[in-house]
Amino acid sequence: MTIVHLDDIDKNILNTIQLDFPLEVHPFEKLGKELGITENEVIERLERLNTAGAIRRIGPIINTKIAGGISTLVAARVPEHRIDEVAETINRYLEVSHNYLRPAKYNMWFTISAPSEERLVQILGELKTETGCELINLPTRRLFKIGVKFNVR
């Protein structure tokens, strides 16, 4: 796993976009003005952070169920020496988000949001085949809405 070094501007960008991403025609221009940098610098920094793996994407969080889809939490048992390889395979799926490590037997956790149960089952099957890892499907039984903001220091 590569460590991404962040300067104060990177940290300010990451802290700001988590909850206060500007809903504007030119959001990066507005963000740049708020942070005292140019629109192009915001875009270049976000592209660099994305390429380095510090961020995966910028986008809305959609209530999959209300939109007619289905989502689930998945726990994977990944050998330590294959973490990067398996994460890369999992992250290729646009339906996957929130991929993170936990110090446990099932050490890689991620969510899948799909338009249908058939697609969800297809993704789980493909991931099991492609990675060879043990997966546990943990569908939502009861929804608890919490806000998460990572304080990047």
N, C-alpha and C. Protein backbone atom coordinates (compact mmCIF):
# COMPACT_ATOMS: atom_id res chain seq x y z
N MET A 1 0.85 -1.17 0.00
CA MET A 1 0.00 0.00 0.00
C MET A 1 0.89 1.24 0.00
N THR A 2 0.63 2.18 -0.89
CA THR A 2 1.42 3.39 -1.02
C THR A 2 0.89 4.47 -0.09
N ILE A 3 1.82 5.15 0.58
CA ILE A 3 1.42 6.27 1.44
C ILE A 3 1.45 7.53 0.59
N VAL A 4 0.38 8.29 0.64
CA VAL A 4 0.29 9.53 -0.13
C VAL A 4 0.59 10.69 0.82
N HIS A 5 1.57 11.48 0.45
CA HIS A 5 1.93 12.63 1.28
C HIS A 5 1.06 13.83 0.89
N LEU A 6 0.47 14.45 1.90
CA LEU A 6 -0.46 15.56 1.69
C LEU A 6 0.12 16.83 2.29
N ASP A 7 0.04 17.92 1.53
CA ASP A 7 0.40 19.21 2.13
C ASP A 7 -0.87 19.84 2.70
N ASP A 8 -0.74 21.02 3.28
CA ASP A 8 -1.88 21.66 3.93
C ASP A 8 -3.02 21.94 2.95
N ILE A 9 -2.69 22.29 1.71
CA ILE A 9 -3.74 22.57 0.72
C ILE A 9 -4.50 21.29 0.39
N ASP A 10 -3.76 20.19 0.19
CA ASP A 10 -4.43 18.91 -0.06
C ASP A 10 -5.39 18.57 1.09
N LYS A 11 -4.91 18.73 2.30
CA LYS A 11 -5.73 18.41 3.48
C LYS A 11 -6.97 19.30 3.54
N ASN A 12 -6.80 20.59 3.23
CA ASN A 12 -7.96 21.50 3.23
C ASN A 12 -8.98 21.10 2.16
N ILE A 13 -8.49 20.73 0.99
CA ILE A 13 -9.40 20.28 -0.08
C ILE A 13 -10.17 19.05 0.39
N LEU A 14 -9.46 18.05 0.91
CA LEU A 14 -10.12 16.81 1.33
C LEU A 14 -11.11 17.04 2.46
N ASN A 15 -10.75 17.89 3.41
CA ASN A 15 -11.67 18.17 4.51
C ASN A 15 -12.90 18.92 4.03
N THR A 16 -12.74 19.80 3.07
CA THR A 16 -13.86 20.61 2.58
C THR A 16 -14.83 19.81 1.71
N ILE A 17 -14.30 19.00 0.80
CA ILE A 17 -15.19 18.34 -0.17
C ILE A 17 -16.02 17.22 0.44
N GLN A 18 -15.65 16.74 1.62
CA GLN A 18 -16.41 15.63 2.21
C GLN A 18 -17.86 16.00 2.51
N LEU A 19 -18.07 17.18 3.04
CA LEU A 19 -19.43 17.59 3.41
C LEU A 19 -19.88 18.89 2.74
N ASP A 20 -18.95 19.66 2.25
CA ASP A 20 -19.30 20.98 1.72
C ASP A 20 -18.92 21.15 0.26
N PHE A 21 -19.06 20.10 -0.54
CA PHE A 21 -18.74 20.23 -1.95
C PHE A 21 -19.70 21.22 -2.58
N PRO A 22 -19.18 22.24 -3.24
CA PRO A 22 -20.06 23.27 -3.81
C PRO A 22 -20.98 22.73 -4.90
N LEU A 23 -22.26 22.97 -4.76
CA LEU A 23 -23.23 22.57 -5.79
C LEU A 23 -23.43 23.77 -6.71
N GLU A 24 -22.50 23.94 -7.60
CA GLU A 24 -22.41 25.10 -8.49
C GLU A 24 -22.14 24.61 -9.91
N VAL A 25 -22.30 25.52 -10.85
CA VAL A 25 -21.94 25.22 -12.24
C VAL A 25 -20.43 25.00 -12.34
N HIS A 26 -19.65 25.76 -11.58
CA HIS A 26 -18.18 25.64 -11.57
C HIS A 26 -17.72 25.37 -10.14
N PRO A 27 -17.95 24.15 -9.64
CA PRO A 27 -17.64 23.86 -8.24
C PRO A 27 -16.17 23.99 -7.89
N PHE A 28 -15.28 23.64 -8.81
CA PHE A 28 -13.85 23.69 -8.50
C PHE A 28 -13.34 25.12 -8.45
N GLU A 29 -13.97 25.99 -9.23
CA GLU A 29 -13.63 27.42 -9.17
C GLU A 29 -14.03 27.98 -7.80
N LYS A 30 -15.24 27.67 -7.35
CA LYS A 30 -15.71 28.14 -6.05
C LYS A 30 -14.84 27.57 -4.92
N LEU A 31 -14.54 26.31 -5.01
CA LEU A 31 -13.69 25.67 -4.01
C LEU A 31 -12.31 26.33 -3.98
N GLY A 32 -11.77 26.60 -5.14
CA GLY A 32 -10.47 27.28 -5.23
C GLY A 32 -10.50 28.65 -4.57
N LYS A 33 -11.56 29.41 -4.82
CA LYS A 33 -11.68 30.73 -4.20
C LYS A 33 -11.74 30.62 -2.68
N GLU A 34 -12.48 29.62 -2.19
CA GLU A 34 -12.58 29.42 -0.74
C GLU A 34 -11.24 29.07 -0.13
N LEU A 35 -10.41 28.36 -0.89
CA LEU A 35 -9.12 27.88 -0.37
C LEU A 35 -7.94 28.75 -0.79
N GLY A 36 -8.19 29.77 -1.61
CA GLY A 36 -7.12 30.68 -2.02
C GLY A 36 -6.22 30.13 -3.10
N ILE A 37 -6.76 29.26 -3.94
CA ILE A 37 -6.00 28.72 -5.06
C ILE A 37 -6.87 28.79 -6.32
N THR A 38 -6.30 28.46 -7.47
CA THR A 38 -7.05 28.54 -8.72
C THR A 38 -7.89 27.28 -8.93
N GLU A 39 -8.87 27.41 -9.80
CA GLU A 39 -9.70 26.27 -10.19
C GLU A 39 -8.83 25.14 -10.75
N ASN A 40 -7.87 25.50 -11.62
CA ASN A 40 -6.99 24.49 -12.22
C ASN A 40 -6.16 23.77 -11.18
N GLU A 41 -5.70 24.50 -10.15
CA GLU A 41 -4.91 23.85 -9.11
C GLU A 41 -5.75 22.85 -8.32
N VAL A 42 -7.01 23.21 -8.04
CA VAL A 42 -7.90 22.27 -7.35
C VAL A 42 -8.04 21.00 -8.18
N ILE A 43 -8.32 21.17 -9.47
CA ILE A 43 -8.52 20.02 -10.36
C ILE A 43 -7.24 19.18 -10.45
N GLU A 44 -6.10 19.83 -10.61
CA GLU A 44 -4.82 19.11 -10.71
C GLU A 44 -4.52 18.33 -9.43
N ARG A 45 -4.79 18.95 -8.28
CA ARG A 45 -4.54 18.27 -7.01
C ARG A 45 -5.47 17.07 -6.83
N LEU A 46 -6.74 17.24 -7.18
CA LEU A 46 -7.68 16.13 -7.06
C LEU A 46 -7.32 14.99 -8.02
N GLU A 47 -6.88 15.33 -9.21
CA GLU A 47 -6.44 14.30 -10.16
C GLU A 47 -5.22 13.56 -9.62
N ARG A 48 -4.26 14.29 -9.03
CA ARG A 48 -3.07 13.67 -8.44
C ARG A 48 -3.46 12.76 -7.29
N LEU A 49 -4.35 13.24 -6.42
CA LEU A 49 -4.79 12.43 -5.28
C LEU A 49 -5.55 11.19 -5.74
N ASN A 50 -6.30 11.32 -6.81
CA ASN A 50 -7.02 10.18 -7.37
C ASN A 50 -6.04 9.18 -7.96
N THR A 51 -5.10 9.64 -8.74
CA THR A 51 -4.11 8.77 -9.36
C THR A 51 -3.28 8.05 -8.30
N ALA A 52 -2.96 8.75 -7.21
CA ALA A 52 -2.16 8.17 -6.12
C ALA A 52 -2.98 7.22 -5.25
N GLY A 53 -4.30 7.24 -5.39
CA GLY A 53 -5.15 6.35 -4.61
C GLY A 53 -5.66 6.93 -3.31
N ALA A 54 -5.40 8.21 -3.05
CA ALA A 54 -5.89 8.83 -1.81
C ALA A 54 -7.39 9.04 -1.86
N ILE A 55 -7.93 9.29 -3.04
CA ILE A 55 -9.37 9.36 -3.24
C ILE A 55 -9.72 8.51 -4.45
N ARG A 56 -10.91 7.96 -4.42
CA ARG A 56 -11.32 7.10 -5.52
C ARG A 56 -12.21 7.83 -6.52
N ARG A 57 -13.12 8.59 -5.98
CA ARG A 57 -14.00 9.36 -6.86
C ARG A 57 -14.69 10.43 -6.04
N ILE A 58 -15.26 11.37 -6.74
CA ILE A 58 -16.08 12.40 -6.12
C ILE A 58 -17.46 12.25 -6.72
N GLY A 59 -18.45 12.06 -5.87
CA GLY A 59 -19.79 11.89 -6.38
C GLY A 59 -20.79 11.88 -5.25
N PRO A 60 -22.04 11.91 -5.60
CA PRO A 60 -23.09 11.92 -4.58
C PRO A 60 -23.26 10.55 -3.94
N ILE A 61 -23.84 10.55 -2.77
CA ILE A 61 -24.24 9.30 -2.13
C ILE A 61 -25.74 9.18 -2.38
N ILE A 62 -26.10 8.15 -3.10
CA ILE A 62 -27.49 7.97 -3.52
C ILE A 62 -28.14 6.89 -2.67
N ASN A 63 -29.38 7.12 -2.28
CA ASN A 63 -30.13 6.11 -1.55
C ASN A 63 -30.56 5.06 -2.56
N THR A 64 -29.79 3.99 -2.62
CA THR A 64 -30.00 2.95 -3.63
C THR A 64 -31.40 2.35 -3.57
N LYS A 65 -31.88 2.10 -2.38
CA LYS A 65 -33.20 1.45 -2.24
C LYS A 65 -34.31 2.34 -2.83
N ILE A 66 -34.28 3.64 -2.49
CA ILE A 66 -35.30 4.55 -3.01
C ILE A 66 -35.18 4.69 -4.52
N ALA A 67 -33.95 4.57 -5.04
CA ALA A 67 -33.73 4.68 -6.48
C ALA A 67 -34.05 3.37 -7.21
N GLY A 68 -34.49 2.35 -6.46
CA GLY A 68 -34.91 1.09 -7.08
C GLY A 68 -33.83 0.03 -7.15
N GLY A 69 -32.68 0.28 -6.52
CA GLY A 69 -31.59 -0.69 -6.57
C GLY A 69 -31.45 -1.46 -5.27
N ILE A 70 -30.30 -2.07 -5.12
CA ILE A 70 -30.01 -2.90 -3.94
C ILE A 70 -28.53 -2.69 -3.57
N SER A 71 -28.25 -2.74 -2.28
CA SER A 71 -26.86 -2.61 -1.85
C SER A 71 -26.58 -3.60 -0.73
N THR A 72 -25.31 -3.86 -0.53
CA THR A 72 -24.89 -4.78 0.51
C THR A 72 -23.49 -4.44 0.97
N LEU A 73 -23.16 -4.89 2.16
CA LEU A 73 -21.81 -4.80 2.69
C LEU A 73 -21.18 -6.17 2.49
N VAL A 74 -19.92 -6.18 2.07
CA VAL A 74 -19.23 -7.43 1.83
C VAL A 74 -17.94 -7.45 2.65
N ALA A 75 -17.69 -8.58 3.29
CA ALA A 75 -16.44 -8.80 4.02
C ALA A 75 -15.65 -9.86 3.25
N ALA A 76 -14.37 -9.59 3.04
CA ALA A 76 -13.52 -10.52 2.30
C ALA A 76 -12.33 -10.93 3.16
N ARG A 77 -11.97 -12.18 3.01
CA ARG A 77 -10.78 -12.70 3.71
C ARG A 77 -9.65 -12.70 2.69
N VAL A 78 -8.75 -11.72 2.83
CA VAL A 78 -7.70 -11.51 1.83
C VAL A 78 -6.33 -11.74 2.48
N PRO A 79 -5.52 -12.62 1.89
CA PRO A 79 -4.16 -12.79 2.42
C PRO A 79 -3.40 -11.46 2.38
N GLU A 80 -2.64 -11.22 3.42
CA GLU A 80 -1.93 -9.94 3.57
C GLU A 80 -1.12 -9.57 2.32
N HIS A 81 -0.45 -10.54 1.74
CA HIS A 81 0.41 -10.27 0.59
C HIS A 81 -0.38 -9.97 -0.70
N ARG A 82 -1.72 -10.12 -0.66
CA ARG A 82 -2.54 -9.87 -1.84
C ARG A 82 -3.47 -8.66 -1.69
N ILE A 83 -3.32 -7.92 -0.61
CA ILE A 83 -4.22 -6.79 -0.33
C ILE A 83 -4.33 -5.84 -1.52
N ASP A 84 -3.22 -5.34 -2.02
CA ASP A 84 -3.26 -4.36 -3.12
C ASP A 84 -3.89 -4.97 -4.38
N GLU A 85 -3.50 -6.17 -4.71
CA GLU A 85 -4.01 -6.85 -5.91
C GLU A 85 -5.53 -7.04 -5.83
N VAL A 86 -6.00 -7.54 -4.70
CA VAL A 86 -7.44 -7.80 -4.54
C VAL A 86 -8.21 -6.48 -4.49
N ALA A 87 -7.68 -5.49 -3.80
CA ALA A 87 -8.34 -4.18 -3.75
C ALA A 87 -8.49 -3.60 -5.15
N GLU A 88 -7.46 -3.75 -5.96
CA GLU A 88 -7.51 -3.24 -7.34
C GLU A 88 -8.60 -3.95 -8.14
N THR A 89 -8.71 -5.26 -7.97
CA THR A 89 -9.74 -6.03 -8.67
C THR A 89 -11.14 -5.58 -8.23
N ILE A 90 -11.34 -5.46 -6.94
CA ILE A 90 -12.64 -5.05 -6.39
C ILE A 90 -12.99 -3.64 -6.86
N ASN A 91 -12.03 -2.74 -6.80
CA ASN A 91 -12.27 -1.33 -7.12
C ASN A 91 -12.54 -1.07 -8.60
N ARG A 92 -12.31 -2.05 -9.45
CA ARG A 92 -12.62 -1.88 -10.88
C ARG A 92 -14.12 -1.80 -11.13
N TYR A 93 -14.90 -2.32 -10.20
CA TYR A 93 -16.35 -2.30 -10.35
C TYR A 93 -16.89 -0.93 -9.92
N LEU A 94 -17.58 -0.27 -10.82
CA LEU A 94 -18.15 1.05 -10.51
C LEU A 94 -19.19 0.96 -9.40
N GLU A 95 -19.76 -0.20 -9.20
CA GLU A 95 -20.79 -0.39 -8.17
C GLU A 95 -20.19 -0.49 -6.76
N VAL A 96 -18.88 -0.56 -6.66
CA VAL A 96 -18.21 -0.72 -5.36
C VAL A 96 -17.79 0.63 -4.79
N SER A 97 -18.02 0.77 -3.48
CA SER A 97 -17.54 1.97 -2.79
C SER A 97 -17.13 1.60 -1.37
N HIS A 98 -16.53 2.53 -0.69
CA HIS A 98 -16.17 2.37 0.73
C HIS A 98 -15.32 1.14 0.98
N ASN A 99 -14.33 0.89 0.16
CA ASN A 99 -13.45 -0.25 0.34
C ASN A 99 -12.39 0.10 1.38
N TYR A 100 -12.31 -0.69 2.44
CA TYR A 100 -11.36 -0.38 3.51
C TYR A 100 -10.90 -1.66 4.20
N LEU A 101 -9.77 -1.53 4.92
CA LEU A 101 -9.21 -2.66 5.66
C LEU A 101 -9.62 -2.60 7.12
N ARG A 102 -9.77 -3.79 7.70
CA ARG A 102 -10.04 -3.92 9.13
C ARG A 102 -9.10 -4.97 9.68
N PRO A 103 -8.66 -4.81 10.92
CA PRO A 103 -7.76 -5.81 11.52
C PRO A 103 -8.55 -7.01 12.05
N ALA A 104 -8.90 -7.91 11.16
CA ALA A 104 -9.70 -9.07 11.53
C ALA A 104 -9.46 -10.19 10.52
N LYS A 105 -10.03 -11.36 10.79
CA LYS A 105 -9.93 -12.49 9.88
C LYS A 105 -10.46 -12.09 8.50
N TYR A 106 -11.63 -11.45 8.48
CA TYR A 106 -12.18 -10.86 7.25
C TYR A 106 -11.72 -9.41 7.26
N ASN A 107 -10.68 -9.14 6.50
CA ASN A 107 -9.95 -7.89 6.64
C ASN A 107 -10.25 -6.82 5.60
N MET A 108 -10.95 -7.14 4.53
CA MET A 108 -11.29 -6.12 3.54
C MET A 108 -12.82 -6.03 3.45
N TRP A 109 -13.33 -4.83 3.64
CA TRP A 109 -14.78 -4.60 3.65
C TRP A 109 -15.11 -3.56 2.58
N PHE A 110 -16.23 -3.77 1.89
CA PHE A 110 -16.64 -2.81 0.87
C PHE A 110 -18.14 -2.92 0.66
N THR A 111 -18.70 -1.89 0.06
CA THR A 111 -20.12 -1.92 -0.26
C THR A 111 -20.31 -2.05 -1.77
N ILE A 112 -21.39 -2.70 -2.13
CA ILE A 112 -21.79 -2.81 -3.54
C ILE A 112 -23.20 -2.25 -3.64
N SER A 113 -23.42 -1.35 -4.57
CA SER A 113 -24.75 -0.82 -4.87
C SER A 113 -25.04 -1.13 -6.34
N ALA A 114 -26.06 -1.94 -6.58
CA ALA A 114 -26.36 -2.39 -7.93
C ALA A 114 -27.81 -2.06 -8.29
N PRO A 115 -28.11 -1.99 -9.58
CA PRO A 115 -29.48 -1.67 -9.99
C PRO A 115 -30.47 -2.81 -9.75
N SER A 116 -29.96 -4.04 -9.55
CA SER A 116 -30.85 -5.17 -9.34
C SER A 116 -30.14 -6.25 -8.52
N GLU A 117 -30.94 -7.15 -7.96
CA GLU A 117 -30.36 -8.27 -7.21
C GLU A 117 -29.54 -9.17 -8.15
N GLU A 118 -30.00 -9.31 -9.38
CA GLU A 118 -29.27 -10.14 -10.35
C GLU A 118 -27.87 -9.59 -10.58
N ARG A 119 -27.77 -8.28 -10.74
CA ARG A 119 -26.44 -7.68 -10.96
C ARG A 119 -25.58 -7.82 -9.71
N LEU A 120 -26.16 -7.65 -8.54
CA LEU A 120 -25.42 -7.80 -7.29
C LEU A 120 -24.85 -9.22 -7.19
N VAL A 121 -25.67 -10.23 -7.45
CA VAL A 121 -25.23 -11.62 -7.40
C VAL A 121 -24.13 -11.87 -8.44
N GLN A 122 -24.28 -11.27 -9.62
CA GLN A 122 -23.28 -11.41 -10.67
C GLN A 122 -21.93 -10.85 -10.21
N ILE A 123 -21.94 -9.66 -9.62
CA ILE A 123 -20.70 -9.04 -9.15
C ILE A 123 -20.04 -9.90 -8.07
N LEU A 124 -20.84 -10.35 -7.10
CA LEU A 124 -20.29 -11.20 -6.04
C LEU A 124 -19.66 -12.46 -6.61
N GLY A 125 -20.33 -13.08 -7.57
CA GLY A 125 -19.79 -14.28 -8.21
C GLY A 125 -18.49 -14.01 -8.95
N GLU A 126 -18.47 -12.91 -9.70
CA GLU A 126 -17.26 -12.55 -10.44
C GLU A 126 -16.10 -12.25 -9.48
N LEU A 127 -16.38 -11.53 -8.40
CA LEU A 127 -15.32 -11.20 -7.45
C LEU A 127 -14.78 -12.45 -6.77
N LYS A 128 -15.65 -13.37 -6.44
CA LYS A 128 -15.20 -14.62 -5.81
C LYS A 128 -14.29 -15.39 -6.77
N THR A 129 -14.70 -15.45 -8.04
CA THR A 129 -13.91 -16.16 -9.06
C THR A 129 -12.60 -15.43 -9.33
N GLU A 130 -12.67 -14.11 -9.54
CA GLU A 130 -11.48 -13.34 -9.90
C GLU A 130 -10.44 -13.28 -8.79
N THR A 131 -10.90 -13.17 -7.54
CA THR A 131 -9.96 -13.03 -6.43
C THR A 131 -9.61 -14.35 -5.77
N GLY A 132 -10.53 -15.32 -5.83
CA GLY A 132 -10.32 -16.57 -5.13
C GLY A 132 -10.45 -16.43 -3.62
N CYS A 133 -10.95 -15.29 -3.18
CA CYS A 133 -11.06 -15.01 -1.75
C CYS A 133 -12.45 -15.38 -1.23
N GLU A 134 -12.48 -15.71 0.04
CA GLU A 134 -13.74 -15.99 0.71
C GLU A 134 -14.48 -14.67 0.93
N LEU A 135 -15.75 -14.61 0.54
CA LEU A 135 -16.56 -13.40 0.69
C LEU A 135 -17.78 -13.72 1.55
N ILE A 136 -18.16 -12.75 2.37
CA ILE A 136 -19.41 -12.86 3.12
C ILE A 136 -20.29 -11.69 2.71
N ASN A 137 -21.49 -12.01 2.22
CA ASN A 137 -22.48 -10.99 1.85
C ASN A 137 -23.27 -10.63 3.10
N LEU A 138 -23.25 -9.35 3.47
CA LEU A 138 -23.93 -8.88 4.68
C LEU A 138 -24.99 -7.84 4.31
N PRO A 139 -26.13 -8.29 3.75
CA PRO A 139 -27.15 -7.33 3.32
C PRO A 139 -27.73 -6.55 4.51
N THR A 140 -28.22 -5.37 4.20
CA THR A 140 -28.81 -4.51 5.21
C THR A 140 -30.11 -5.11 5.73
N ARG A 141 -30.19 -5.22 7.02
CA ARG A 141 -31.44 -5.67 7.65
C ARG A 141 -32.18 -4.48 8.23
N ARG A 142 -31.39 -3.57 8.78
CA ARG A 142 -31.95 -2.37 9.40
C ARG A 142 -30.98 -1.23 9.11
N LEU A 143 -31.50 -0.14 8.58
CA LEU A 143 -30.66 0.97 8.16
C LEU A 143 -30.48 1.99 9.28
N PHE A 144 -29.24 2.31 9.56
CA PHE A 144 -28.90 3.38 10.49
C PHE A 144 -28.15 4.43 9.69
N LYS A 145 -28.64 5.62 9.64
CA LYS A 145 -28.01 6.68 8.87
C LYS A 145 -27.07 7.45 9.79
N ILE A 146 -25.79 7.38 9.46
CA ILE A 146 -24.81 8.13 10.23
C ILE A 146 -24.01 8.99 9.26
N GLY A 147 -23.52 10.08 9.75
CA GLY A 147 -22.65 10.93 8.95
C GLY A 147 -21.21 10.61 9.28
N VAL A 148 -20.40 10.54 8.26
CA VAL A 148 -18.98 10.26 8.47
C VAL A 148 -18.18 11.36 7.80
N LYS A 149 -17.28 11.91 8.55
CA LYS A 149 -16.33 12.88 8.00
C LYS A 149 -14.98 12.55 8.57
N PHE A 150 -14.02 12.32 7.68
CA PHE A 150 -12.67 12.03 8.10
C PHE A 150 -11.91 13.34 8.26
N ASN A 151 -11.37 13.58 9.42
CA ASN A 151 -10.60 14.79 9.66
C ASN A 151 -9.17 14.53 9.19
N VAL A 152 -8.84 15.02 7.99
CA VAL A 152 -7.52 14.82 7.41
C VAL A 152 -6.58 15.83 8.02
N ARG A 153 -5.57 15.32 8.70
CA ARG A 153 -4.61 16.20 9.39
C ARG A 153 -3.25 16.14 8.77
